[in-house]
């Protein structure tokens, strides 16, 4: 499928998919991220799309699965955040509270990252996977994983410190 045909057949689905994702996620920003991921997935399989009887149904299914994954990830991050023992018990209660607030803020920033960077960062730092394991799971090269991980860390740092300057 050529770019012009993709634009003609796939891009008009955006509004419907956006509404569907918005209903599932109850968050328009997350829904927009999901729709971008859907279009990236569709673009990556554009040459196989002619094998599908109903590309719109495929698009809705991809959207649904990505939304469900996002909801699971958000739930898991909440669970992980509650289960993390990163707060230094030797600190004063005020310092412990500040540490917990910083951790909560960092997790919120991670939630705002693009899907792939978010997943890679979580796999590396929350699940404790190695670069090679992440590469195998995502069917990417270790170099691509390192690059995305670096970009994700940089973005989290930038936003975190920008927030803390205020």
C-alpha atoms as a PDB file:
ATOM      1  CA  UNK A   1       0.000   0.000   0.000  1.00  0.00           C
ATOM      2  CA  UNK A   2       1.397   3.350  -1.027  1.00  0.00           C
ATOM      3  CA  UNK A   3       1.352   6.452   1.151  1.00  0.00           C
ATOM      4  CA  UNK A   4      -1.462   8.110  -0.816  1.00  0.00           C
ATOM      5  CA  UNK A   5      -3.668   5.037  -0.539  1.00  0.00           C
ATOM      6  CA  UNK A   6      -2.863   4.743   3.176  1.00  0.00           C
ATOM      7  CA  UNK A   7      -3.912   8.367   3.708  1.00  0.00           C
ATOM      8  CA  UNK A   8      -7.097   7.822   1.730  1.00  0.00           C
ATOM      9  CA  UNK A   9      -8.174   4.563   3.397  1.00  0.00           C
ATOM     10  CA  UNK A  10      -6.700   4.598   6.894  1.00  0.00           C
ATOM     11  CA  UNK A  11      -6.472   8.199   8.090  1.00  0.00           C
ATOM     12  CA  UNK A  12     -10.242   8.795   7.833  1.00  0.00           C
ATOM     13  CA  UNK A  13     -10.640   6.201  10.622  1.00  0.00           C
ATOM     14  CA  UNK A  14      -8.887   8.546  13.049  1.00  0.00           C
ATOM     15  CA  UNK A  15     -11.974  10.236  14.496  1.00  0.00           C
ATOM     16  CA  UNK A  16     -13.828   6.987  15.143  1.00  0.00           C
ATOM     17  CA  UNK A  17     -10.767   5.344  16.693  1.00  0.00           C
ATOM     18  CA  UNK A  18     -10.076   8.472  18.782  1.00  0.00           C
ATOM     19  CA  UNK A  19     -13.610   8.400  20.227  1.00  0.00           C
ATOM     20  CA  UNK A  20     -13.367   4.684  20.921  1.00  0.00           C
ATOM     21  CA  UNK A  21      -9.995   5.010  22.664  1.00  0.00           C
ATOM     22  CA  UNK A  22     -11.247   8.043  24.592  1.00  0.00           C
ATOM     23  CA  UNK A  23     -14.203   6.052  25.912  1.00  0.00           C
ATOM     24  CA  UNK A  24     -12.001   3.158  26.955  1.00  0.00           C
ATOM     25  CA  UNK A  25      -9.252   5.209  28.566  1.00  0.00           C
ATOM     26  CA  UNK A  26     -11.274   8.196  29.794  1.00  0.00           C
ATOM     27  CA  UNK A  27      -8.268  10.350  28.939  1.00  0.00           C
ATOM     28  CA  UNK A  28      -7.956  12.212  25.633  1.00  0.00           C
ATOM     29  CA  UNK A  29      -4.160  12.550  25.837  1.00  0.00           C
ATOM     30  CA  UNK A  30      -3.716   8.802  26.322  1.00  0.00           C
ATOM     31  CA  UNK A  31      -6.257   8.166  23.567  1.00  0.00           C
ATOM     32  CA  UNK A  32      -4.262  10.347  21.168  1.00  0.00           C
ATOM     33  CA  UNK A  33      -1.077   8.428  22.030  1.00  0.00           C
ATOM     34  CA  UNK A  34      -2.864   5.148  21.364  1.00  0.00           C
ATOM     35  CA  UNK A  35      -4.148   6.354  17.991  1.00  0.00           C
ATOM     36  CA  UNK A  36      -0.615   7.313  16.987  1.00  0.00           C
ATOM     37  CA  UNK A  37       0.550   3.832  17.944  1.00  0.00           C
ATOM     38  CA  UNK A  38      -2.314   2.288  15.963  1.00  0.00           C
ATOM     39  CA  UNK A  39      -1.335   4.228  12.845  1.00  0.00           C
ATOM     40  CA  UNK A  40       2.321   3.282  13.319  1.00  0.00           C
ATOM     41  CA  UNK A  41       1.351  -0.392  13.569  1.00  0.00           C
ATOM     42  CA  UNK A  42      -0.900  -0.116  10.529  1.00  0.00           C
ATOM     43  CA  UNK A  43       1.836   1.649   8.575  1.00  0.00           C
ATOM     44  CA  UNK A  44       4.331  -1.045   9.516  1.00  0.00           C
ATOM     45  CA  UNK A  45       1.985  -3.747   8.134  1.00  0.00           C
ATOM     46  CA  UNK A  46       0.674  -1.664   5.231  1.00  0.00           C
ATOM     47  CA  UNK A  47       1.788  -4.222   2.648  1.00  0.00           C
ATOM     48  CA  UNK A  48      -0.228  -6.973   4.373  1.00  0.00           C
ATOM     49  CA  UNK A  49      -3.409  -4.896   4.810  1.00  0.00           C
ATOM     50  CA  UNK A  50      -4.803  -6.152   1.488  1.00  0.00           C
ATOM     51  CA  UNK A  51      -4.996  -9.621   3.104  1.00  0.00           C
ATOM     52  CA  UNK A  52      -7.586  -8.364   5.609  1.00  0.00           C
ATOM     53  CA  UNK A  53     -11.257  -8.340   4.658  1.00  0.00           C
ATOM     54  CA  UNK A  54     -12.050  -5.406   6.944  1.00  0.00           C
ATOM     55  CA  UNK A  55      -9.190  -3.043   7.755  1.00  0.00           C
ATOM     56  CA  UNK A  56     -11.494  -0.880   9.867  1.00  0.00           C
ATOM     57  CA  UNK A  57     -12.272  -3.857  12.124  1.00  0.00           C
ATOM     58  CA  UNK A  58      -8.556  -4.573  12.349  1.00  0.00           C
ATOM     59  CA  UNK A  59      -7.941  -0.948  13.347  1.00  0.00           C
ATOM     60  CA  UNK A  60     -10.601  -1.106  16.060  1.00  0.00           C
ATOM     61  CA  UNK A  61      -9.158  -4.372  17.363  1.00  0.00           C
ATOM     62  CA  UNK A  62      -5.629  -2.945  17.505  1.00  0.00           C
ATOM     63  CA  UNK A  63      -6.992   0.145  19.273  1.00  0.00           C
ATOM     64  CA  UNK A  64      -8.850  -1.990  21.804  1.00  0.00           C
ATOM     65  CA  UNK A  65      -5.783  -4.114  22.574  1.00  0.00           C
ATOM     66  CA  UNK A  66      -3.502  -1.101  22.939  1.00  0.00           C
ATOM     67  CA  UNK A  67      -6.024   0.592  25.231  1.00  0.00           C
ATOM     68  CA  UNK A  68      -6.355  -2.511  27.384  1.00  0.00           C
ATOM     69  CA  UNK A  69      -2.574  -2.787  27.574  1.00  0.00           C
ATOM     70  CA  UNK A  70      -2.355   0.874  28.611  1.00  0.00           C
ATOM     71  CA  UNK A  71      -4.966   0.323  31.333  1.00  0.00           C
ATOM     72  CA  UNK A  72      -3.071  -2.745  32.581  1.00  0.00           C
ATOM     73  CA  UNK A  73       0.208  -0.807  32.525  1.00  0.00           C
ATOM     74  CA  UNK A  74      -1.342   2.050  34.478  1.00  0.00           C
ATOM     75  CA  UNK A  75      -2.749  -0.420  37.011  1.00  0.00           C
ATOM     76  CA  UNK A  76       0.611  -2.203  37.279  1.00  0.00           C
ATOM     77  CA  UNK A  77       2.455   1.096  37.747  1.00  0.00           C
ATOM     78  CA  UNK A  78       0.066   1.957  40.547  1.00  0.00           C
ATOM     79  CA  UNK A  79       0.671  -1.454  42.102  1.00  0.00           C
ATOM     80  CA  UNK A  80       4.425  -1.139  41.574  1.00  0.00           C
ATOM     81  CA  UNK A  81       4.455   2.337  43.060  1.00  0.00           C
ATOM     82  CA  UNK A  82       2.667   1.096  46.173  1.00  0.00           C
ATOM     83  CA  UNK A  83       5.010  -1.888  46.436  1.00  0.00           C
ATOM     84  CA  UNK A  84       8.282  -0.059  45.871  1.00  0.00           C
ATOM     85  CA  UNK A  85      10.547   0.217  48.859  1.00  0.00           C
ATOM     86  CA  UNK A  86      12.521   3.183  47.622  1.00  0.00           C
ATOM     87  CA  UNK A  87      11.802   5.467  50.556  1.00  0.00           C
ATOM     88  CA  UNK A  88      14.744   5.729  52.934  1.00  0.00           C
ATOM     89  CA  UNK A  89      13.418   4.954  56.400  1.00  0.00           C
ATOM     90  CA  UNK A  90      16.384   6.754  58.002  1.00  0.00           C
ATOM     91  CA  UNK A  91      15.047  10.100  56.786  1.00  0.00           C
ATOM     92  CA  UNK A  92      12.722  12.378  58.708  1.00  0.00           C
ATOM     93  CA  UNK A  93       8.991  12.021  57.977  1.00  0.00           C
ATOM     94  CA  UNK A  94       9.083  15.281  55.978  1.00  0.00           C
ATOM     95  CA  UNK A  95      12.004  14.009  53.865  1.00  0.00           C
ATOM     96  CA  UNK A  96      10.263  10.657  53.356  1.00  0.00           C
ATOM     97  CA  UNK A  97       7.140  12.463  52.178  1.00  0.00           C
ATOM     98  CA  UNK A  98       9.209  14.531  49.748  1.00  0.00           C
ATOM     99  CA  UNK A  99      10.856  11.361  48.429  1.00  0.00           C
ATOM    100  CA  UNK A 100       7.454   9.722  47.956  1.00  0.00           C
ATOM    101  CA  UNK A 101       6.128  12.827  46.152  1.00  0.00           C
ATOM    102  CA  UNK A 102       9.153  12.817  43.848  1.00  0.00           C
ATOM    103  CA  UNK A 103       8.642   9.130  43.073  1.00  0.00           C
ATOM    104  CA  UNK A 104       4.941   9.685  42.358  1.00  0.00           C
ATOM    105  CA  UNK A 105       5.781  12.613  40.080  1.00  0.00           C
ATOM    106  CA  UNK A 106       8.412  10.568  38.223  1.00  0.00           C
ATOM    107  CA  UNK A 107       5.886   7.768  37.644  1.00  0.00           C
ATOM    108  CA  UNK A 108       3.365  10.284  36.278  1.00  0.00           C
ATOM    109  CA  UNK A 109       6.009  11.611  33.891  1.00  0.00           C
ATOM    110  CA  UNK A 110       6.742   8.068  32.726  1.00  0.00           C
ATOM    111  CA  UNK A 111       3.014   7.605  32.050  1.00  0.00           C
ATOM    112  CA  UNK A 112       3.205  10.559  29.620  1.00  0.00           C
ATOM    113  CA  UNK A 113       6.042   9.127  27.520  1.00  0.00           C
ATOM    114  CA  UNK A 114       5.325   7.660  24.083  1.00  0.00           C
ATOM    115  CA  UNK A 115       4.222   4.041  24.335  1.00  0.00           C
ATOM    116  CA  UNK A 116       7.441   2.377  23.247  1.00  0.00           C
ATOM    117  CA  UNK A 117       9.704   4.538  25.432  1.00  0.00           C
ATOM    118  CA  UNK A 118       7.335   4.048  28.364  1.00  0.00           C
ATOM    119  CA  UNK A 119       7.360   0.284  27.925  1.00  0.00           C
ATOM    120  CA  UNK A 120      11.128   0.081  27.540  1.00  0.00           C
ATOM    121  CA  UNK A 121      11.739   2.260  30.600  1.00  0.00           C
ATOM    122  CA  UNK A 122       9.377   0.140  32.690  1.00  0.00           C
ATOM    123  CA  UNK A 123      10.874  -3.132  31.450  1.00  0.00           C
ATOM    124  CA  UNK A 124      14.366  -1.910  32.310  1.00  0.00           C
ATOM    125  CA  UNK A 125      13.806  -0.144  35.626  1.00  0.00           C
ATOM    126  CA  UNK A 126      10.669  -1.690  37.095  1.00  0.00           C
ATOM    127  CA  UNK A 127      10.769  -5.235  35.722  1.00  0.00           C
ATOM    128  CA  UNK A 128      14.588  -5.346  35.863  1.00  0.00           C
ATOM    129  CA  UNK A 129      15.084  -6.750  32.361  1.00  0.00           C
ATOM    130  CA  UNK A 130      18.371  -6.439  30.502  1.00  0.00           C
ATOM    131  CA  UNK A 131      18.736  -4.606  27.173  1.00  0.00           C
ATOM    132  CA  UNK A 132      19.042  -7.868  25.231  1.00  0.00           C
ATOM    133  CA  UNK A 133      15.896  -9.285  26.852  1.00  0.00           C
ATOM    134  CA  UNK A 134      13.942  -6.133  26.004  1.00  0.00           C
ATOM    135  CA  UNK A 135      15.253  -6.258  22.431  1.00  0.00           C
ATOM    136  CA  UNK A 136      14.086  -9.851  22.072  1.00  0.00           C
ATOM    137  CA  UNK A 137      10.645  -9.061  23.529  1.00  0.00           C
ATOM    138  CA  UNK A 138      10.128  -6.022  21.311  1.00  0.00           C
ATOM    139  CA  UNK A 139      11.741  -7.521  18.217  1.00  0.00           C
ATOM    140  CA  UNK A 140      14.182  -4.595  18.102  1.00  0.00           C
ATOM    141  CA  UNK A 141      17.928  -4.282  18.087  1.00  0.00           C
ATOM    142  CA  UNK A 142      19.782  -3.629  21.348  1.00  0.00           C
ATOM    143  CA  UNK A 143      20.997  -0.333  19.842  1.00  0.00           C
ATOM    144  CA  UNK A 144      17.400   0.793  19.219  1.00  0.00           C
ATOM    145  CA  UNK A 145      16.495  -0.143  22.803  1.00  0.00           C
ATOM    146  CA  UNK A 146      19.463   1.817  24.184  1.00  0.00           C
ATOM    147  CA  UNK A 147      18.522   4.832  22.060  1.00  0.00           C
ATOM    148  CA  UNK A 148      14.866   4.760  23.178  1.00  0.00           C
ATOM    149  CA  UNK A 149      15.894   4.194  26.782  1.00  0.00           C
ATOM    150  CA  UNK A 150      18.264   7.157  26.614  1.00  0.00           C
ATOM    151  CA  UNK A 151      15.580   9.378  25.099  1.00  0.00           C
ATOM    152  CA  UNK A 152      13.057   8.294  27.714  1.00  0.00           C
ATOM    153  CA  UNK A 153      15.448   8.959  30.602  1.00  0.00           C
ATOM    154  CA  UNK A 154      16.365  12.350  29.168  1.00  0.00           C
ATOM    155  CA  UNK A 155      12.700  13.333  28.796  1.00  0.00           C
ATOM    156  CA  UNK A 156      11.857  12.218  32.343  1.00  0.00           C
ATOM    157  CA  UNK A 157      14.838  14.183  33.683  1.00  0.00           C
ATOM    158  CA  UNK A 158      13.901  17.320  31.735  1.00  0.00           C
ATOM    159  CA  UNK A 159      10.278  17.307  32.850  1.00  0.00           C
ATOM    160  CA  UNK A 160      11.110  16.347  36.432  1.00  0.00           C
ATOM    161  CA  UNK A 161      13.649  19.133  36.894  1.00  0.00           C
ATOM    162  CA  UNK A 162      11.482  21.649  35.067  1.00  0.00           C
ATOM    163  CA  UNK A 163       8.678  20.826  37.528  1.00  0.00           C
ATOM    164  CA  UNK A 164      10.987  21.068  40.557  1.00  0.00           C
ATOM    165  CA  UNK A 165      12.275  24.535  39.544  1.00  0.00           C
ATOM    166  CA  UNK A 166       8.811  25.989  39.977  1.00  0.00           C
END
